[in-house]
N, C-alpha and C. Protein backbone atom coordinates (compact mmCIF):
# COMPACT_ATOMS: atom_id res chain seq x y z
N MET A 1 80.63 103.65 99.34
CA MET A 1 81.57 103.42 100.42
C MET A 1 81.47 104.60 101.37
N SER A 2 81.42 104.32 102.65
CA SER A 2 81.39 105.36 103.67
C SER A 2 82.59 105.20 104.57
N ARG A 3 83.27 106.29 104.84
CA ARG A 3 84.45 106.25 105.68
C ARG A 3 84.34 107.27 106.78
N THR A 4 84.73 106.90 107.97
CA THR A 4 84.83 107.85 109.06
C THR A 4 86.29 107.97 109.40
N LEU A 5 86.82 109.16 109.29
CA LEU A 5 88.23 109.38 109.56
C LEU A 5 88.38 110.22 110.82
N GLY A 6 89.41 109.94 111.59
CA GLY A 6 89.68 110.73 112.78
C GLY A 6 90.26 112.08 112.42
N HIS A 7 90.53 112.89 113.44
CA HIS A 7 91.15 114.19 113.19
C HIS A 7 92.45 113.97 112.43
N SER A 8 92.72 114.82 111.47
CA SER A 8 93.84 114.61 110.57
C SER A 8 95.00 115.53 110.88
N SER A 9 96.19 114.99 110.79
CA SER A 9 97.38 115.83 110.86
C SER A 9 98.03 115.93 109.49
N ILE A 10 97.34 115.46 108.45
CA ILE A 10 97.92 115.47 107.10
C ILE A 10 98.31 116.89 106.66
N PRO A 11 97.37 117.85 106.63
CA PRO A 11 97.75 119.15 106.10
C PRO A 11 98.71 119.93 107.00
N GLY A 12 98.53 119.86 108.30
CA GLY A 12 99.32 120.70 109.18
C GLY A 12 100.41 119.97 109.92
N GLY A 13 100.61 118.71 109.63
CA GLY A 13 101.58 117.91 110.37
C GLY A 13 103.01 118.31 110.07
N PRO A 14 103.94 117.85 110.87
CA PRO A 14 105.34 118.27 110.70
C PRO A 14 105.97 117.74 109.41
N GLN A 15 105.43 116.68 108.80
CA GLN A 15 106.03 116.15 107.58
C GLN A 15 105.59 116.93 106.34
N VAL A 16 104.54 117.71 106.44
CA VAL A 16 104.01 118.42 105.28
C VAL A 16 103.99 119.91 105.61
N ARG A 17 104.86 120.65 104.93
CA ARG A 17 105.01 122.06 105.26
C ARG A 17 104.69 122.93 104.06
N SER A 18 104.47 124.21 104.34
CA SER A 18 104.20 125.15 103.25
C SER A 18 105.48 125.78 102.73
N GLU A 19 106.63 125.49 103.37
CA GLU A 19 107.90 126.00 102.87
C GLU A 19 108.93 124.88 102.94
N ARG A 20 109.61 124.62 101.81
CA ARG A 20 110.55 123.50 101.74
C ARG A 20 111.39 123.63 100.47
N SER A 21 112.62 123.20 100.51
CA SER A 21 113.48 123.13 99.33
C SER A 21 113.56 124.45 98.57
N GLY A 22 113.64 125.57 99.29
CA GLY A 22 113.74 126.86 98.64
C GLY A 22 112.43 127.38 98.07
N LEU A 23 111.32 126.74 98.41
CA LEU A 23 110.01 127.16 97.91
C LEU A 23 109.06 127.44 99.06
N ARG A 24 108.19 128.43 98.84
CA ARG A 24 107.08 128.66 99.76
C ARG A 24 105.80 128.51 98.95
N LEU A 25 104.80 127.90 99.53
CA LEU A 25 103.53 127.65 98.86
C LEU A 25 102.45 128.51 99.52
N GLU A 26 101.67 129.21 98.70
CA GLU A 26 100.55 130.00 99.19
C GLU A 26 99.34 129.66 98.33
N ALA A 27 98.14 129.78 98.91
CA ALA A 27 96.93 129.48 98.15
C ALA A 27 95.83 130.46 98.53
N GLU A 28 95.08 130.86 97.52
CA GLU A 28 94.01 131.83 97.74
C GLU A 28 92.82 131.46 96.87
N ALA A 29 91.62 131.48 97.47
CA ALA A 29 90.41 131.23 96.69
C ALA A 29 90.23 132.37 95.71
N THR A 30 89.81 132.04 94.48
CA THR A 30 89.69 133.06 93.44
C THR A 30 88.39 132.92 92.68
N GLY A 31 88.04 133.99 91.97
CA GLY A 31 86.84 133.99 91.16
C GLY A 31 85.62 133.83 92.03
N ASP A 32 84.46 134.07 91.46
CA ASP A 32 83.28 133.82 92.26
C ASP A 32 82.10 133.48 91.39
N ASP A 33 81.27 132.66 91.98
CA ASP A 33 80.02 132.25 91.38
C ASP A 33 78.98 132.66 92.41
N GLY A 34 78.51 133.89 92.34
CA GLY A 34 77.73 134.43 93.44
C GLY A 34 78.72 134.77 94.55
N ASP A 35 78.57 134.16 95.70
CA ASP A 35 79.49 134.40 96.81
C ASP A 35 80.47 133.25 96.99
N THR A 36 80.51 132.32 96.05
CA THR A 36 81.30 131.11 96.23
C THR A 36 82.53 131.12 95.32
N ALA A 37 83.68 130.85 95.90
CA ALA A 37 84.91 130.75 95.10
C ALA A 37 84.80 129.56 94.16
N VAL A 38 85.36 129.71 92.96
CA VAL A 38 85.29 128.63 91.98
C VAL A 38 86.67 128.08 91.63
N GLY A 39 87.71 128.68 92.18
CA GLY A 39 89.06 128.21 91.91
C GLY A 39 89.99 128.52 93.06
N VAL A 40 91.18 127.96 92.98
CA VAL A 40 92.22 128.24 93.97
C VAL A 40 93.49 128.60 93.19
N THR A 41 94.04 129.77 93.48
CA THR A 41 95.31 130.15 92.88
C THR A 41 96.42 129.74 93.83
N VAL A 42 97.32 128.90 93.33
CA VAL A 42 98.43 128.38 94.13
C VAL A 42 99.70 129.04 93.62
N THR A 43 100.47 129.63 94.54
CA THR A 43 101.68 130.35 94.16
C THR A 43 102.90 129.73 94.82
N PHE A 44 103.90 129.40 94.00
CA PHE A 44 105.18 128.90 94.47
C PHE A 44 106.15 130.09 94.44
N THR A 45 106.80 130.40 95.57
CA THR A 45 107.75 131.50 95.65
C THR A 45 109.12 130.96 96.01
N GLU A 46 110.15 131.37 95.26
CA GLU A 46 111.52 130.96 95.56
C GLU A 46 112.01 131.77 96.76
N THR A 47 112.61 131.10 97.76
CA THR A 47 112.93 131.75 99.03
C THR A 47 114.42 131.83 99.37
N GLU A 48 115.28 131.23 98.56
CA GLU A 48 116.70 131.18 98.94
C GLU A 48 117.62 131.87 97.94
N GLY A 49 117.09 132.59 96.95
CA GLY A 49 117.93 133.34 96.02
C GLY A 49 118.48 132.54 94.85
N ASP A 50 118.05 131.30 94.69
CA ASP A 50 118.51 130.47 93.58
C ASP A 50 117.30 129.97 92.80
N PRO A 51 117.40 129.85 91.49
CA PRO A 51 116.28 129.30 90.73
C PRO A 51 115.98 127.87 91.15
N VAL A 52 114.73 127.50 91.08
CA VAL A 52 114.30 126.15 91.40
C VAL A 52 113.80 125.51 90.11
N ASP A 53 114.34 124.37 89.77
CA ASP A 53 113.94 123.63 88.59
C ASP A 53 113.71 122.20 89.04
N THR A 54 112.47 121.82 89.16
CA THR A 54 112.13 120.52 89.72
C THR A 54 110.87 120.02 89.04
N THR A 55 110.29 118.98 89.55
CA THR A 55 109.00 118.50 89.08
C THR A 55 108.05 118.47 90.27
N ARG A 56 106.79 118.37 89.97
CA ARG A 56 105.79 118.25 91.03
C ARG A 56 104.63 117.44 90.49
N THR A 57 103.85 116.87 91.41
CA THR A 57 102.61 116.23 91.00
C THR A 57 101.56 117.32 90.86
N PRO A 58 100.52 117.08 90.09
CA PRO A 58 99.43 118.06 90.04
C PRO A 58 98.91 118.34 91.45
N ILE A 59 98.32 119.50 91.60
CA ILE A 59 97.86 119.95 92.92
C ILE A 59 96.59 119.22 93.29
N SER A 60 96.57 118.70 94.51
CA SER A 60 95.41 118.00 95.04
C SER A 60 94.76 118.86 96.12
N GLN A 61 93.49 118.63 96.37
CA GLN A 61 92.76 119.38 97.39
C GLN A 61 92.34 118.45 98.51
N ILE A 62 92.48 118.94 99.73
CA ILE A 62 92.05 118.19 100.91
C ILE A 62 90.99 119.01 101.61
N TRP A 63 89.81 118.44 101.79
CA TRP A 63 88.66 119.13 102.37
C TRP A 63 88.48 118.66 103.81
N LEU A 64 88.38 119.60 104.74
CA LEU A 64 88.15 119.28 106.15
C LEU A 64 86.89 119.97 106.64
N LYS A 65 86.13 119.26 107.45
CA LYS A 65 84.96 119.83 108.12
C LYS A 65 85.04 119.42 109.57
N ASN A 66 85.01 120.40 110.46
CA ASN A 66 85.14 120.15 111.90
C ASN A 66 86.38 119.34 112.22
N GLY A 67 87.49 119.63 111.54
CA GLY A 67 88.76 118.96 111.81
C GLY A 67 88.90 117.57 111.24
N ARG A 68 87.94 117.13 110.44
CA ARG A 68 87.99 115.79 109.86
C ARG A 68 88.10 115.86 108.34
N VAL A 69 88.93 114.99 107.77
CA VAL A 69 89.05 114.92 106.32
C VAL A 69 87.76 114.33 105.76
N VAL A 70 87.13 115.05 104.83
CA VAL A 70 85.91 114.55 104.20
C VAL A 70 86.09 114.36 102.69
N GLY A 71 87.20 114.83 102.15
CA GLY A 71 87.50 114.64 100.75
C GLY A 71 88.98 114.83 100.51
N ALA A 72 89.56 113.98 99.70
CA ALA A 72 91.01 114.05 99.49
C ALA A 72 91.38 114.42 98.07
N GLY A 73 90.43 114.80 97.24
CA GLY A 73 90.74 115.27 95.89
C GLY A 73 91.40 114.20 95.04
N SER A 74 92.23 114.64 94.10
CA SER A 74 92.88 113.70 93.20
C SER A 74 94.00 112.94 93.90
N ASP A 75 94.47 111.91 93.26
CA ASP A 75 95.52 111.05 93.83
C ASP A 75 96.88 111.63 93.46
N VAL A 76 97.53 112.31 94.41
CA VAL A 76 98.81 112.96 94.11
C VAL A 76 99.94 111.96 93.91
N TRP A 77 99.72 110.71 94.25
CA TRP A 77 100.80 109.73 94.15
C TRP A 77 100.90 109.11 92.76
N SER A 78 99.87 109.19 91.95
CA SER A 78 99.94 108.51 90.66
C SER A 78 99.74 109.44 89.46
N ASP A 79 99.38 110.68 89.68
CA ASP A 79 99.21 111.59 88.56
C ASP A 79 100.56 111.87 87.90
N PRO A 80 100.57 112.20 86.63
CA PRO A 80 101.85 112.47 85.97
C PRO A 80 102.52 113.72 86.55
N ALA A 81 103.83 113.72 86.57
CA ALA A 81 104.59 114.85 87.07
C ALA A 81 104.59 115.99 86.06
N GLU A 82 104.71 117.20 86.58
CA GLU A 82 104.77 118.39 85.74
C GLU A 82 106.02 119.18 86.09
N ASP A 83 106.61 119.86 85.10
CA ASP A 83 107.78 120.69 85.38
C ASP A 83 107.39 121.86 86.27
N LEU A 84 108.28 122.22 87.19
CA LEU A 84 108.11 123.40 88.04
C LEU A 84 109.40 124.19 87.96
N GLN A 85 109.33 125.37 87.38
CA GLN A 85 110.51 126.22 87.26
C GLN A 85 110.17 127.58 87.85
N VAL A 86 110.95 127.97 88.87
CA VAL A 86 110.75 129.26 89.53
C VAL A 86 112.09 129.97 89.53
N GLY A 87 112.14 131.17 88.95
CA GLY A 87 113.38 131.93 88.90
C GLY A 87 113.82 132.42 90.28
N ALA A 88 115.09 132.82 90.39
CA ALA A 88 115.60 133.36 91.64
C ALA A 88 114.72 134.52 92.09
N GLU A 89 114.28 134.47 93.33
CA GLU A 89 113.38 135.47 93.91
C GLU A 89 112.11 135.64 93.09
N GLY A 90 111.72 134.59 92.37
CA GLY A 90 110.55 134.66 91.49
C GLY A 90 109.33 133.96 92.09
N LYS A 91 108.23 134.08 91.35
CA LYS A 91 106.97 133.44 91.73
C LYS A 91 106.36 132.80 90.48
N VAL A 92 105.71 131.67 90.70
CA VAL A 92 104.95 131.01 89.64
C VAL A 92 103.60 130.66 90.23
N SER A 93 102.53 131.03 89.53
CA SER A 93 101.18 130.75 90.01
C SER A 93 100.42 129.89 89.02
N THR A 94 99.53 129.09 89.55
CA THR A 94 98.62 128.31 88.72
C THR A 94 97.26 128.30 89.42
N THR A 95 96.20 128.30 88.63
CA THR A 95 94.87 128.27 89.22
C THR A 95 94.23 126.92 88.91
N VAL A 96 93.69 126.30 89.93
CA VAL A 96 93.03 125.00 89.77
C VAL A 96 91.57 125.16 90.17
N PRO A 97 90.66 124.47 89.48
CA PRO A 97 89.24 124.59 89.84
C PRO A 97 88.97 123.91 91.17
N LEU A 98 88.00 124.44 91.90
CA LEU A 98 87.56 123.79 93.13
C LEU A 98 86.75 122.56 92.74
N GLU A 99 87.19 121.42 93.23
CA GLU A 99 86.51 120.17 92.89
C GLU A 99 86.30 119.35 94.15
N PRO A 100 85.20 119.61 94.88
CA PRO A 100 84.95 118.82 96.07
C PRO A 100 84.87 117.34 95.73
N ASP A 101 85.56 116.52 96.48
CA ASP A 101 85.56 115.07 96.27
C ASP A 101 84.46 114.45 97.11
N SER A 102 83.58 113.72 96.48
CA SER A 102 82.46 113.14 97.21
C SER A 102 82.46 111.62 97.16
N THR A 103 83.55 111.01 96.72
CA THR A 103 83.56 109.56 96.49
C THR A 103 83.43 108.75 97.78
N CYS A 104 83.78 109.32 98.91
CA CYS A 104 83.70 108.56 100.17
C CYS A 104 82.46 108.90 100.98
N LEU A 105 81.55 109.66 100.41
CA LEU A 105 80.32 110.00 101.12
C LEU A 105 79.28 108.90 100.95
N GLU A 106 78.33 108.83 101.88
CA GLU A 106 77.28 107.83 101.77
C GLU A 106 76.45 108.02 100.51
N ASP A 107 76.25 109.28 100.10
CA ASP A 107 75.51 109.58 98.88
C ASP A 107 76.38 110.47 97.99
N PRO A 108 77.32 109.87 97.24
CA PRO A 108 78.27 110.67 96.45
C PRO A 108 77.60 111.62 95.46
N GLU A 109 76.46 111.22 94.89
CA GLU A 109 75.81 112.06 93.90
C GLU A 109 75.21 113.32 94.51
N ALA A 110 74.95 113.31 95.82
CA ALA A 110 74.41 114.49 96.49
C ALA A 110 75.49 115.53 96.74
N GLY A 111 76.76 115.13 96.68
CA GLY A 111 77.86 116.05 96.91
C GLY A 111 78.08 116.30 98.40
N LEU A 112 79.00 117.21 98.69
CA LEU A 112 79.29 117.52 100.09
C LEU A 112 78.09 118.22 100.72
N PRO A 113 77.77 117.88 101.96
CA PRO A 113 76.65 118.55 102.64
C PRO A 113 76.92 120.04 102.82
N SER A 114 75.85 120.81 102.99
CA SER A 114 75.99 122.24 103.25
C SER A 114 76.82 122.45 104.51
N GLY A 115 77.57 123.52 104.52
CA GLY A 115 78.36 123.86 105.70
C GLY A 115 79.66 124.53 105.33
N LYS A 116 80.46 124.79 106.35
CA LYS A 116 81.75 125.46 106.16
C LYS A 116 82.86 124.42 106.13
N TYR A 117 83.79 124.59 105.19
CA TYR A 117 84.90 123.67 105.02
C TYR A 117 86.21 124.44 105.04
N VAL A 118 87.24 123.79 105.53
CA VAL A 118 88.60 124.30 105.42
C VAL A 118 89.24 123.51 104.30
N LEU A 119 89.91 124.21 103.41
CA LEU A 119 90.47 123.59 102.23
C LEU A 119 91.99 123.76 102.23
N TYR A 120 92.71 122.67 101.99
CA TYR A 120 94.16 122.69 101.83
C TYR A 120 94.50 122.24 100.42
N VAL A 121 95.62 122.71 99.92
CA VAL A 121 96.16 122.17 98.67
C VAL A 121 97.45 121.43 98.99
N LEU A 122 97.71 120.38 98.23
CA LEU A 122 98.84 119.48 98.50
C LEU A 122 99.51 119.12 97.19
N THR A 123 100.84 119.12 97.18
CA THR A 123 101.59 118.66 96.02
C THR A 123 102.87 117.99 96.48
N GLU A 124 103.39 117.10 95.68
CA GLU A 124 104.67 116.43 95.96
C GLU A 124 105.73 117.01 95.05
N LEU A 125 106.90 117.31 95.60
CA LEU A 125 108.03 117.79 94.80
C LEU A 125 108.92 116.61 94.42
N ASP A 126 109.48 116.65 93.23
CA ASP A 126 110.38 115.62 92.72
C ASP A 126 109.83 114.21 92.85
N PRO A 127 108.59 113.97 92.41
CA PRO A 127 108.07 112.61 92.50
C PRO A 127 108.90 111.65 91.66
N GLY A 128 109.12 110.46 92.18
CA GLY A 128 109.87 109.45 91.45
C GLY A 128 111.36 109.66 91.40
N SER A 129 111.89 110.62 92.18
CA SER A 129 113.32 110.91 92.12
C SER A 129 114.14 109.90 92.92
N GLY A 130 113.49 109.11 93.76
CA GLY A 130 114.21 108.12 94.55
C GLY A 130 114.73 108.68 95.87
N GLY A 131 114.64 109.97 96.08
CA GLY A 131 115.09 110.56 97.34
C GLY A 131 113.95 110.59 98.35
N ASP A 132 114.16 111.32 99.44
CA ASP A 132 113.09 111.48 100.42
C ASP A 132 111.92 112.18 99.76
N ARG A 133 110.72 111.68 100.03
CA ARG A 133 109.53 112.30 99.45
C ARG A 133 109.31 113.66 100.10
N GLN A 134 109.01 114.65 99.29
CA GLN A 134 108.80 116.01 99.77
C GLN A 134 107.40 116.46 99.38
N PHE A 135 106.55 116.64 100.36
CA PHE A 135 105.20 117.13 100.13
C PHE A 135 105.09 118.54 100.68
N MET A 136 104.32 119.37 100.00
CA MET A 136 104.03 120.71 100.48
C MET A 136 102.52 120.87 100.55
N SER A 137 102.06 121.52 101.61
CA SER A 137 100.64 121.74 101.78
C SER A 137 100.43 123.10 102.42
N VAL A 138 99.32 123.74 102.07
CA VAL A 138 99.00 125.03 102.68
C VAL A 138 97.48 125.20 102.69
N GLU A 139 97.01 125.87 103.73
CA GLU A 139 95.59 126.16 103.84
C GLU A 139 95.22 127.27 102.86
N VAL A 140 94.09 127.10 102.19
CA VAL A 140 93.57 128.15 101.32
C VAL A 140 93.15 129.31 102.21
N SER A 141 93.38 130.54 101.75
CA SER A 141 93.26 131.71 102.60
C SER A 141 91.86 132.02 103.12
N SER A 142 90.84 131.42 102.55
CA SER A 142 89.50 131.71 103.06
C SER A 142 88.70 130.42 103.19
N GLU A 143 87.72 130.46 104.09
CA GLU A 143 86.84 129.32 104.32
C GLU A 143 85.96 129.10 103.09
N TYR A 144 85.63 127.86 102.80
CA TYR A 144 84.78 127.54 101.67
C TYR A 144 83.42 127.11 102.20
N VAL A 145 82.36 127.72 101.69
CA VAL A 145 81.01 127.44 102.18
C VAL A 145 80.20 126.80 101.07
N ILE A 146 79.55 125.69 101.39
CA ILE A 146 78.65 125.02 100.45
C ILE A 146 77.24 125.21 100.98
N GLY A 147 76.33 125.59 100.12
CA GLY A 147 74.95 125.84 100.54
C GLY A 147 74.83 127.19 101.23
N GLY A 148 73.70 127.39 101.91
CA GLY A 148 73.45 128.68 102.55
C GLY A 148 74.04 128.72 103.87
């Protein structure tokens, strides 16, 4: 399957923010395999002085090249929810492996073409709670390069 997507407002749009519900989300590429990051450390920081006890979907990755979404990672809408507990003025971090999604490319087995990518991480807070859906997204702090 091949898909051409227009410029995306998913990661940076007004509905998806890096700070919401007393939490701030930060992401940083970590570890290295030569000069290439192999993981992303995602940190949730409590911002309002009260502990946060909620659930979230597992962290998904959104890959952009030249302003276009080229990979959307795992499906944040159907993965099982996980507990998220952050103490007052506290931080909780988790590291997820970098997993470029190639399912929508013309040649999925070849993987993402060489080049520079911007990577965002995305998670939903309180999935299945019946209230307004709350998504958080943030750009990973460094550009991701595939190939030379």
